[in-house]
Protein backbone atom coordinates (compact mmCIF):
# COMPACT_ATOMS: atom_id res chain seq x y z
CA MET A 1 39.56 -5.74 110.43
CA THR A 2 43.38 -7.83 109.35
CA GLN A 3 46.24 -9.19 111.39
CA THR A 4 44.43 -11.70 113.54
CA THR A 5 46.19 -14.04 116.26
CA SER A 6 44.99 -16.44 118.56
CA ALA A 7 45.72 -15.64 122.42
CA HIS A 8 44.39 -16.98 125.41
CA HIS A 9 43.97 -15.47 128.94
CA ALA A 10 46.89 -15.63 130.99
CA GLY A 11 45.65 -14.78 133.88
CA GLY A 12 45.73 -11.57 136.15
CA THR A 13 48.67 -10.20 137.85
CA ALA A 14 48.35 -10.80 141.37
CA ALA A 15 51.33 -8.13 141.80
CA ALA A 16 49.13 -5.44 140.42
CA PRO A 17 45.43 -6.26 141.05
CA ALA A 18 44.14 -3.06 139.79
CA ALA A 19 44.57 -4.19 136.59
CA PRO A 20 42.17 -5.26 133.94
CA ALA A 21 43.06 -8.87 133.15
CA ARG A 22 40.76 -8.80 130.08
CA TYR A 23 43.17 -6.68 128.21
CA ASP A 24 46.23 -9.16 128.94
CA ALA A 25 45.56 -11.04 125.77
CA VAL A 26 45.39 -7.77 123.86
CA VAL A 27 49.08 -6.60 124.88
CA ARG A 28 50.61 -10.40 123.90
CA ALA A 29 49.08 -10.09 120.46
CA ALA A 30 50.16 -6.60 119.76
CA VAL A 31 53.60 -7.29 120.70
CA GLY A 32 53.26 -10.26 119.04
CA GLN A 33 52.35 -8.97 115.82
CA GLY A 34 54.86 -5.93 116.14
CA LEU A 35 52.29 -3.20 116.52
CA LEU A 36 54.60 -3.02 120.02
CA GLY A 37 58.35 -3.35 119.21
CA GLU A 38 61.46 -1.82 118.53
CA SER A 39 60.40 0.36 115.38
CA ASP A 40 57.15 1.52 117.07
CA PRO A 41 57.74 1.71 121.04
CA VAL A 42 54.44 3.17 121.91
CA ALA A 43 51.00 2.64 120.52
CA GLY A 44 47.28 3.19 121.32
CA PHE A 45 44.56 0.53 121.40
CA ILE A 46 40.78 1.12 121.45
CA ASP A 47 38.49 -1.92 122.31
CA THR A 48 35.46 -1.27 119.42
CA GLU A 49 33.07 -3.81 121.02
CA GLY A 50 33.51 -1.85 124.60
CA VAL A 51 32.83 1.30 122.86
CA ARG A 52 29.69 -0.15 121.29
CA ALA A 53 28.58 -1.45 124.77
CA SER A 54 28.95 1.80 126.86
CA VAL A 55 27.07 3.69 123.90
CA GLY A 56 24.31 0.86 124.33
CA ALA A 57 24.44 1.87 128.33
CA LEU A 58 24.10 5.14 127.76
CA HIS A 59 20.91 4.67 125.08
CA ASP A 60 19.21 2.24 127.65
CA ALA A 61 19.66 4.81 130.46
CA PHE A 62 17.45 7.10 128.55
CA ALA A 63 15.24 4.64 127.20
CA ALA A 64 12.10 5.96 128.66
CA THR A 65 12.84 9.53 127.57
CA PRO A 66 11.56 10.67 124.21
CA GLY A 67 13.38 12.95 122.00
CA VAL A 68 16.97 12.55 123.06
CA LEU A 69 19.80 13.34 120.75
CA HIS A 70 23.31 11.75 122.56
CA THR A 71 26.40 13.53 121.16
CA PHE A 72 30.01 12.48 121.40
CA ALA A 73 32.27 15.25 122.42
CA ALA A 74 34.96 15.12 119.68
CA LYS A 75 37.84 16.42 121.74
CA ALA A 76 37.65 13.27 123.84
CA CYS A 77 38.85 11.16 120.63
CA SER A 78 38.96 12.89 117.58
CA LEU A 79 39.66 10.15 115.52
CA ILE A 80 37.79 10.07 112.33
CA PRO A 81 37.41 5.91 112.62
CA VAL A 82 36.49 6.16 116.09
CA LEU A 83 34.09 8.57 115.36
CA ARG A 84 32.36 6.70 112.69
CA LEU A 85 32.10 3.77 114.97
CA LEU A 86 30.39 6.13 117.33
CA ALA A 87 28.16 7.55 114.44
CA ASP A 88 27.20 3.88 113.28
CA SER A 89 26.58 3.01 116.98
CA GLY A 90 23.69 5.64 117.12
CA MET A 91 25.54 9.15 118.45
CA GLY A 92 25.65 12.43 117.09
CA CYS A 93 28.77 14.65 117.61
CA GLU A 94 29.28 17.90 119.57
CA VAL A 95 32.03 19.91 117.82
CA ALA A 96 34.10 22.89 119.41
CA SER A 97 36.05 24.10 116.55
CA PRO A 98 36.42 24.03 112.58
CA GLY A 99 38.74 21.35 112.78
CA GLU A 100 36.41 19.02 114.76
CA LEU A 101 33.54 20.21 112.52
CA ARG A 102 35.48 18.87 109.41
CA LEU A 103 36.11 15.58 111.06
CA ALA A 104 32.69 15.05 112.18
CA LEU A 105 31.38 15.54 108.45
CA GLU A 106 34.22 13.52 107.37
CA ALA A 107 33.31 10.52 109.65
CA GLY A 108 29.68 10.59 108.30
CA PHE A 109 27.57 12.25 110.88
CA PRO A 110 24.82 14.37 109.29
CA ALA A 111 24.90 17.89 109.77
CA SER A 112 21.50 17.50 111.96
CA ARG A 113 22.96 15.62 114.47
CA ILE A 114 25.96 17.62 115.04
CA VAL A 115 25.98 20.48 117.61
CA LEU A 116 28.61 23.32 117.35
CA ASP A 117 29.96 24.92 121.16
CA SER A 118 32.97 26.88 121.48
CA PRO A 119 33.05 29.88 123.79
CA ALA A 120 35.01 31.83 120.73
CA LYS A 121 33.46 31.28 117.24
CA THR A 122 34.62 33.22 114.19
CA ARG A 123 32.04 34.81 111.89
CA GLU A 124 33.11 32.30 109.34
CA GLU A 125 32.60 29.40 111.59
CA ILE A 126 29.16 30.66 112.62
CA ARG A 127 28.56 31.32 108.74
CA LEU A 128 29.29 27.37 107.64
CA ALA A 129 27.46 26.03 110.84
CA LEU A 130 24.33 28.02 109.83
CA ALA A 131 24.68 27.02 106.02
CA LEU A 132 25.18 23.25 106.85
CA GLY A 133 22.24 23.27 109.11
CA VAL A 134 24.26 22.25 112.52
CA ALA A 135 22.95 23.32 115.75
CA VAL A 136 24.90 26.05 117.35
CA ASN A 137 24.94 27.08 120.94
CA ALA A 138 25.74 30.84 121.27
CA ASP A 139 28.10 31.24 124.50
CA SER A 140 27.41 34.76 125.41
CA LEU A 141 24.92 37.59 124.45
CA ALA A 142 27.45 38.93 122.42
CA GLU A 143 27.51 36.16 120.00
CA LEU A 144 23.80 36.23 119.78
CA ARG A 145 24.23 39.87 118.30
CA ARG A 146 26.65 38.36 115.91
CA ILE A 147 24.31 35.46 114.91
CA ASP A 148 21.57 38.19 114.37
CA ALA A 149 23.66 39.54 111.42
CA LEU A 150 24.53 36.42 110.01
CA ARG A 151 21.69 33.88 110.11
CA ASN A 152 19.44 33.35 107.43
CA PRO A 153 15.74 33.00 108.14
CA SER A 154 16.29 29.49 105.76
CA THR A 155 18.76 27.92 108.07
CA SER A 156 17.53 24.67 109.73
CA SER A 157 20.14 24.77 112.37
CA VAL A 158 18.83 24.87 115.79
CA LEU A 159 19.80 27.77 117.71
CA GLY A 160 20.56 27.75 121.28
CA LEU A 161 22.26 29.87 124.27
CA ARG A 162 24.47 28.46 126.77
CA VAL A 163 24.25 29.68 130.45
CA ASN A 164 26.40 29.07 133.34
CA PRO A 165 24.23 28.11 136.33
CA GLN A 166 26.92 29.02 138.60
CA VAL A 167 26.23 26.11 141.13
CA GLY A 168 30.07 25.88 141.94
CA GLY A 169 32.98 23.74 141.14
CA GLY A 170 34.26 20.02 141.55
CA SER A 171 37.80 18.81 143.04
CA ILE A 172 39.78 19.63 139.67
CA GLY A 173 39.27 23.27 138.94
CA PRO A 174 40.05 23.41 135.80
CA MET A 175 37.56 21.10 134.61
CA SER A 176 34.70 22.81 136.30
CA THR A 177 32.64 25.17 133.94
CA ALA A 178 29.92 26.46 136.30
CA THR A 179 31.85 28.27 138.67
CA ASP A 180 31.38 32.20 139.51
CA THR A 181 33.85 33.27 137.09
CA SER A 182 33.83 30.51 134.41
CA LYS A 183 34.64 31.72 131.10
CA PHE A 184 31.66 29.77 129.47
CA GLY A 185 28.15 31.04 128.94
CA VAL A 186 26.29 33.77 130.36
CA ALA A 187 26.56 33.99 134.09
CA LEU A 188 23.40 33.20 135.47
CA CYS A 189 23.34 34.66 138.80
CA ASP A 190 25.01 38.13 138.17
CA PRO A 191 23.09 41.08 138.36
CA GLY A 192 20.63 41.61 135.48
CA ALA A 193 21.49 38.84 133.65
CA ARG A 194 18.69 36.55 134.14
CA GLU A 195 16.48 39.62 132.77
CA ALA A 196 18.98 39.89 129.91
CA ILE A 197 18.48 36.24 128.98
CA VAL A 198 14.72 36.33 128.93
CA GLU A 199 14.64 39.69 126.66
CA ALA A 200 17.41 37.90 124.41
CA PHE A 201 14.78 35.21 123.96
CA ARG A 202 11.81 37.44 123.62
CA ALA A 203 13.78 39.35 120.93
CA ARG A 204 14.53 35.97 118.95
CA PRO A 205 11.64 33.50 118.28
CA TRP A 206 14.25 31.52 116.20
CA LEU A 207 15.87 31.06 119.66
CA THR A 208 14.69 27.59 121.12
CA ARG A 209 17.32 26.09 123.14
CA LEU A 210 18.73 26.38 126.28
CA HIS A 211 22.19 24.73 127.02
CA ALA A 212 24.50 24.43 130.38
CA HIS A 213 27.44 22.12 131.15
CA VAL A 214 28.81 21.94 134.75
CA GLY A 215 31.95 20.44 134.44
CA SER A 216 33.49 17.11 133.82
CA GLN A 217 36.01 14.98 135.81
CA GLY A 218 36.06 16.06 139.65
CA CYS A 219 32.29 17.14 139.58
CA PRO A 220 30.12 15.06 141.30
CA LEU A 221 26.49 14.08 140.21
CA GLU A 222 24.70 16.06 142.82
CA LEU A 223 26.52 19.13 141.15
CA ILE A 224 26.19 18.15 137.61
CA ALA A 225 22.30 17.67 138.59
CA ALA A 226 22.25 20.94 140.37
CA GLY A 227 23.18 22.92 137.18
CA VAL A 228 20.65 20.94 134.89
CA ALA A 229 18.08 21.74 137.38
CA ARG A 230 18.90 25.20 137.72
CA THR A 231 18.74 25.35 133.61
CA TYR A 232 15.58 23.41 133.48
CA GLU A 233 13.65 25.76 135.98
CA LEU A 234 15.33 28.90 133.84
CA ALA A 235 13.69 27.27 130.71
CA GLU A 236 10.41 27.06 132.10
CA GLU A 237 10.73 30.60 133.56
CA ILE A 238 11.41 31.87 130.13
CA ASN A 239 8.85 30.02 128.38
CA ALA A 240 6.27 31.44 131.02
CA ALA A 241 7.18 34.88 130.84
CA LEU A 242 6.86 34.97 126.73
CA GLY A 243 3.43 33.41 127.09
CA VAL A 244 4.55 30.40 124.37
CA ARG A 245 6.96 27.66 124.62
CA GLN A 246 9.72 28.99 122.75
CA ILE A 247 12.36 26.80 124.15
CA THR A 248 11.59 23.25 123.09
CA SER A 249 14.93 21.83 123.75
CA LEU A 250 17.67 21.51 126.40
CA ASP A 251 21.29 20.87 125.98
CA ILE A 252 22.31 19.34 129.30
CA GLY A 253 25.74 18.59 128.19
CA GLY A 254 27.99 15.35 129.65
CA GLY A 255 30.70 15.35 132.38
CA LEU A 256 29.88 11.89 133.81
CA PRO A 257 33.13 11.69 135.83
CA VAL A 258 35.17 8.23 135.21
CA ASN A 259 36.45 6.21 138.07
CA PHE A 260 40.54 5.51 137.38
CA VAL A 261 40.94 3.61 140.72
CA ASP A 262 39.93 0.19 139.42
CA GLU A 263 38.40 -1.46 136.60
CA THR A 264 34.62 -0.49 137.59
CA VAL A 265 32.25 1.56 135.85
CA ARG A 266 31.09 4.20 138.40
CA PRO A 267 28.81 6.19 138.26
CA THR A 268 27.05 4.79 135.47
CA TYR A 269 24.46 6.51 133.31
CA ALA A 270 21.60 5.31 135.20
CA ASP A 271 23.36 6.65 138.14
CA TYR A 272 23.26 10.27 136.32
CA VAL A 273 19.74 9.84 135.00
CA ALA A 274 18.60 8.86 138.72
CA ALA A 275 20.23 12.09 139.97
CA LEU A 276 18.96 14.37 137.52
CA THR A 277 15.15 12.90 137.94
CA ALA A 278 15.80 13.83 141.65
CA ALA A 279 16.93 17.23 141.14
CA ALA A 280 14.87 18.12 138.15
CA PRO A 281 11.56 15.73 138.43
CA GLY A 282 9.73 17.26 134.78
CA LEU A 283 13.09 17.23 132.87
CA PHE A 284 12.40 13.44 131.64
CA SER A 285 8.49 14.01 130.94
CA GLY A 286 9.17 14.65 127.14
CA ARG A 287 8.54 18.26 127.71
CA TYR A 288 11.62 19.14 126.07
CA ALA A 289 13.84 17.05 123.92
CA LEU A 290 17.25 16.51 125.25
CA VAL A 291 20.89 16.72 124.14
CA THR A 292 23.49 15.23 126.00
CA GLU A 293 27.54 15.88 124.91
CA PHE A 294 29.37 13.00 126.84
CA GLY A 295 32.75 12.13 125.95
CA ARG A 296 35.32 10.59 128.46
CA SER A 297 32.77 8.57 129.93
CA LEU A 298 32.17 6.72 126.78
CA LEU A 299 36.02 5.70 125.75
CA ALA A 300 38.31 6.14 128.71
CA LYS A 301 37.89 2.78 129.85
CA ASN A 302 37.81 1.39 126.67
CA GLY A 303 41.28 2.25 125.81
CA PHE A 304 44.97 1.84 127.02
CA ILE A 305 48.44 3.09 126.01
CA GLY A 306 51.23 0.41 125.60
CA ALA A 307 54.73 1.47 125.69
CA ARG A 308 58.22 -0.41 125.76
CA VAL A 309 60.78 0.17 128.51
CA GLU A 310 63.88 1.31 127.11
CA TYR A 311 66.09 1.75 129.90
CA THR A 312 65.90 1.43 134.00
CA LYS A 313 68.20 3.25 136.00
CA ASP A 314 68.61 4.25 139.84
CA ALA A 315 68.77 7.54 141.05
CA GLY A 316 68.81 9.09 144.91
CA GLY A 317 67.21 5.27 145.79
CA ARG A 318 64.58 5.28 143.51
CA ARG A 319 64.22 3.07 140.47
CA ILE A 320 63.09 4.67 137.18
CA ALA A 321 61.93 3.06 134.16
CA LEU A 322 62.35 5.07 130.98
CA THR A 323 59.36 4.65 128.53
CA HIS A 324 58.16 6.02 125.39
CA ALA A 325 54.69 7.07 126.93
CA GLY A 326 55.09 10.32 128.61
CA ALA A 327 53.72 13.91 128.33
CA GLN A 328 53.33 13.66 124.69
CA THR A 329 50.81 11.33 124.99
CA ALA A 330 49.57 11.51 128.71
CA THR A 331 49.76 14.84 128.88
CA ARG A 332 47.28 15.67 131.71
CA THR A 333 48.55 13.06 134.18
CA VAL A 334 52.10 14.55 133.62
CA LEU A 335 51.22 17.99 134.28
CA MET A 336 48.42 16.96 136.75
CA PRO A 337 49.22 13.91 138.47
CA ASP A 338 47.21 14.18 141.44
CA ALA A 339 44.01 14.97 139.48
CA TRP A 340 44.95 12.31 136.49
CA PRO A 341 46.72 9.41 138.37
CA LEU A 342 46.45 6.31 135.91
CA ARG A 343 46.74 2.39 137.01
CA ILE A 344 50.02 0.99 135.25
CA GLY A 345 50.28 -2.56 134.19
CA ALA A 346 53.37 -4.13 133.91
CA PHE A 347 54.40 -7.25 130.72
CA GLY A 348 57.30 -8.79 129.97
CA PRO A 349 58.95 -8.38 126.94
CA ASP A 350 56.75 -11.23 125.15
CA GLY A 351 53.57 -9.39 126.14
CA THR A 352 52.54 -11.39 129.15
CA PRO A 353 51.85 -10.52 132.51
CA LYS A 354 54.85 -9.95 134.87
CA ASP A 355 54.97 -11.23 138.41
CA GLY A 356 57.17 -11.37 141.43
CA PRO A 357 58.07 -9.14 144.12
CA LEU A 358 57.26 -5.78 144.21
CA LEU A 359 59.36 -2.87 143.89
CA ALA A 360 58.33 1.04 144.03
CA GLN A 361 59.12 2.73 140.78
CA ASP A 362 58.59 5.82 138.42
CA ILE A 363 57.27 5.49 135.20
CA ALA A 364 59.12 8.19 132.94
CA GLY A 365 58.80 9.34 129.66
CA PRO A 366 60.82 10.60 126.67
CA CYS A 367 60.25 14.28 126.77
CA CYS A 368 63.05 16.72 127.90
CA PHE A 369 62.02 18.17 131.19
CA ALA A 370 62.08 16.60 134.50
CA GLY A 371 58.70 16.42 135.48
CA ASP A 372 58.04 13.75 132.70
CA VAL A 373 56.57 11.12 134.86
CA VAL A 374 53.36 9.64 134.56
CA ALA A 375 53.44 7.52 137.70
CA TYR A 376 55.69 8.04 140.88
CA GLY A 377 56.56 5.22 143.40
CA ARG A 378 54.32 2.75 141.84
CA GLU A 379 54.84 -1.03 143.35
CA LEU A 380 55.24 -3.10 140.25
CA PRO A 381 56.80 -6.32 139.46
CA GLU A 382 60.20 -5.16 138.44
CA LEU A 383 60.60 -3.71 135.04
CA ALA A 384 63.57 -3.99 132.67
CA GLU A 385 64.48 -3.33 129.41
CA ASP A 386 62.45 -4.50 126.65
CA ASP A 387 59.25 -4.81 128.95
CA VAL A 388 55.86 -3.26 128.09
CA VAL A 389 53.84 -1.28 130.26
CA VAL A 390 50.54 0.01 129.83
CA LEU A 391 48.53 2.87 130.55
CA TYR A 392 44.70 1.99 131.27
CA ASP A 393 41.74 3.99 131.03
CA THR A 394 43.20 6.35 128.58
CA GLY A 395 40.80 5.60 125.70
CA ALA A 396 39.73 9.69 125.89
CA TYR A 397 41.93 12.74 125.79
CA TYR A 398 45.27 11.03 125.66
CA PHE A 399 46.58 9.15 122.49
CA SER A 400 44.07 10.67 120.37
CA THR A 401 45.27 14.41 120.56
CA PRO A 402 49.16 14.02 121.58
CA TRP A 403 51.34 16.95 122.20
CA ALA A 404 54.27 17.95 119.84
CA TYR A 405 56.69 18.41 122.53
CA ASN A 406 60.17 17.76 121.60
CA SER A 407 58.84 16.69 117.94
CA LEU A 408 57.97 13.24 119.07
CA PRO A 409 56.05 11.43 116.48
CA ARG A 410 52.21 10.76 117.08
CA PRO A 411 52.12 6.99 118.18
CA ALA A 412 49.68 4.53 116.13
CA VAL A 413 46.38 3.93 117.22
CA TYR A 414 44.64 0.47 116.77
CA GLY A 415 41.00 -0.76 117.47
CA PHE A 416 40.68 -4.33 118.53
CA ARG A 417 38.18 -7.01 119.15
CA VAL A 418 38.31 -10.29 120.94
CA ALA A 419 36.19 -12.76 119.83
CA GLY A 420 35.53 -16.45 119.88
CA PRO A 421 36.51 -19.46 122.73
CA ALA A 422 40.05 -19.21 121.76
CA GLY A 423 40.32 -15.28 122.31
CA ALA A 424 41.22 -14.29 118.84
CA VAL A 425 42.54 -10.87 118.96
CA THR A 426 42.12 -8.56 115.90
CA PHE A 427 43.43 -5.26 115.09
CA ALA A 428 42.54 -2.71 112.66
CA THR A 429 44.75 0.40 111.99
CA VAL A 430 43.01 3.70 113.25
CA ARG A 431 45.99 6.06 112.92
CA GLY A 432 49.49 4.96 111.22
CA PRO A 433 52.63 6.11 113.22
CA GLN A 434 53.67 9.42 112.37
CA SER A 435 56.71 9.49 109.99
CA LEU A 436 59.48 11.61 110.10
CA ASP A 437 58.95 13.05 106.82
CA SER A 438 55.67 14.07 108.26
CA ILE A 439 57.02 16.00 111.45
CA ALA A 440 59.47 17.66 108.95
CA ALA A 441 56.49 18.96 106.74
CA GLU A 442 54.59 20.11 109.41
CA SER A 443 57.66 21.96 110.68
CA GLY A 444 57.82 24.28 107.60
CA LEU A 445 60.28 21.94 105.34
CA ALA A 446 58.34 23.38 102.62
CA HIS A 447 59.32 26.93 103.36
CA ALA A 448 63.15 26.01 104.57
CA ASP A 449 64.62 29.29 103.12
CA ALA A 450 61.95 31.30 103.70
CA LEU A 451 63.77 33.56 106.70
CA MET A 452 67.05 33.46 104.83
CA GLU A 453 68.57 36.87 103.90
CA ARG A 454 68.59 37.57 99.93
CA ASN A 455 70.76 40.31 98.31
CA ASP A 456 69.36 39.64 94.78
């Protein structure tokens, strides 16, 4: 890493007790080094040591269980340097598109440690995965029939079938994938489905894995555990019906929810293992190799967004701070604010935490629609032009996959480490800020005259 600054902890902000003071020095160093400033008013930051610690906690929770492949859900942070960090930390990778598969390979994940999940795989996607030896979870019986036609008996790919255990939804409907009508997997409780699943395995001795994923944010551990237990029971039933141990591995998905209320990590991976052990005592016996697919829980609390305040104004008795962190980089929070609330930190122009009397303020973004607000009526020290706001817990699903609304440029992303007694902060570029030339090129500049009428 390059660009090193010594920065001492400046203390927490009494005015905003939910803010994680451990990142105060990082914000100050980012401002001091110009990573957040007039020319780059918004950026994402990843705590590399924090990521390694989260991966370590996951592996520790499963340490007593043999044969576990932990994969990272690439959609949670589809940045090659971050994926390479995860590969180096001992993770595999779960992908759900040709683009994610390419990124996983570029990041250095061996094909044997990659799992392809998607409800709408094309024939070309399946061909490529089978040629590479990437594991594939078919999402439907129709997809199994497609694999029948494409599969080469010499492929090294582990092949599985995703089922929907239909155990119900959590508090965020769009994040619940085990409802009665979910688009994912074969609906296990529908009439005739269980029998059809058994027959699908009977007809395909090469089908050796069963996969399920209940959901993520908003799904309590008890619901996740119920779905995994139902999947385990199905595997036992299929093997008994076939009279052979054909299913040898279970992909139990991910979905550990993240606590966005404060800095505490809860539930933990140990809590997750305890819940699954209670629901399916045989799951961790080693009878089945296990695959997990965690994403948000590994990265959310190891990243944040920093953005400059461009203006403040008052409207209808409400103070509004206009920043560069809006729907283009905090899309879920803007579109579903009640489901995805974020903690906000307030910092001065030099990157030091602000204090002083609290004032209810809206934190709004730059997009041209009225709902582009990341926090409503948030009590913070009064913000002013050139101050900095921080959106915590945004290491997953935020700055890594920005929305191109208003052709706003993608923000830069930096990894950081804090080391030594002086708290030296070291940054490394993960993704540079997008240029206007890049925006023009993506918008068809090379074909600018393609639609012009010609009379020659």
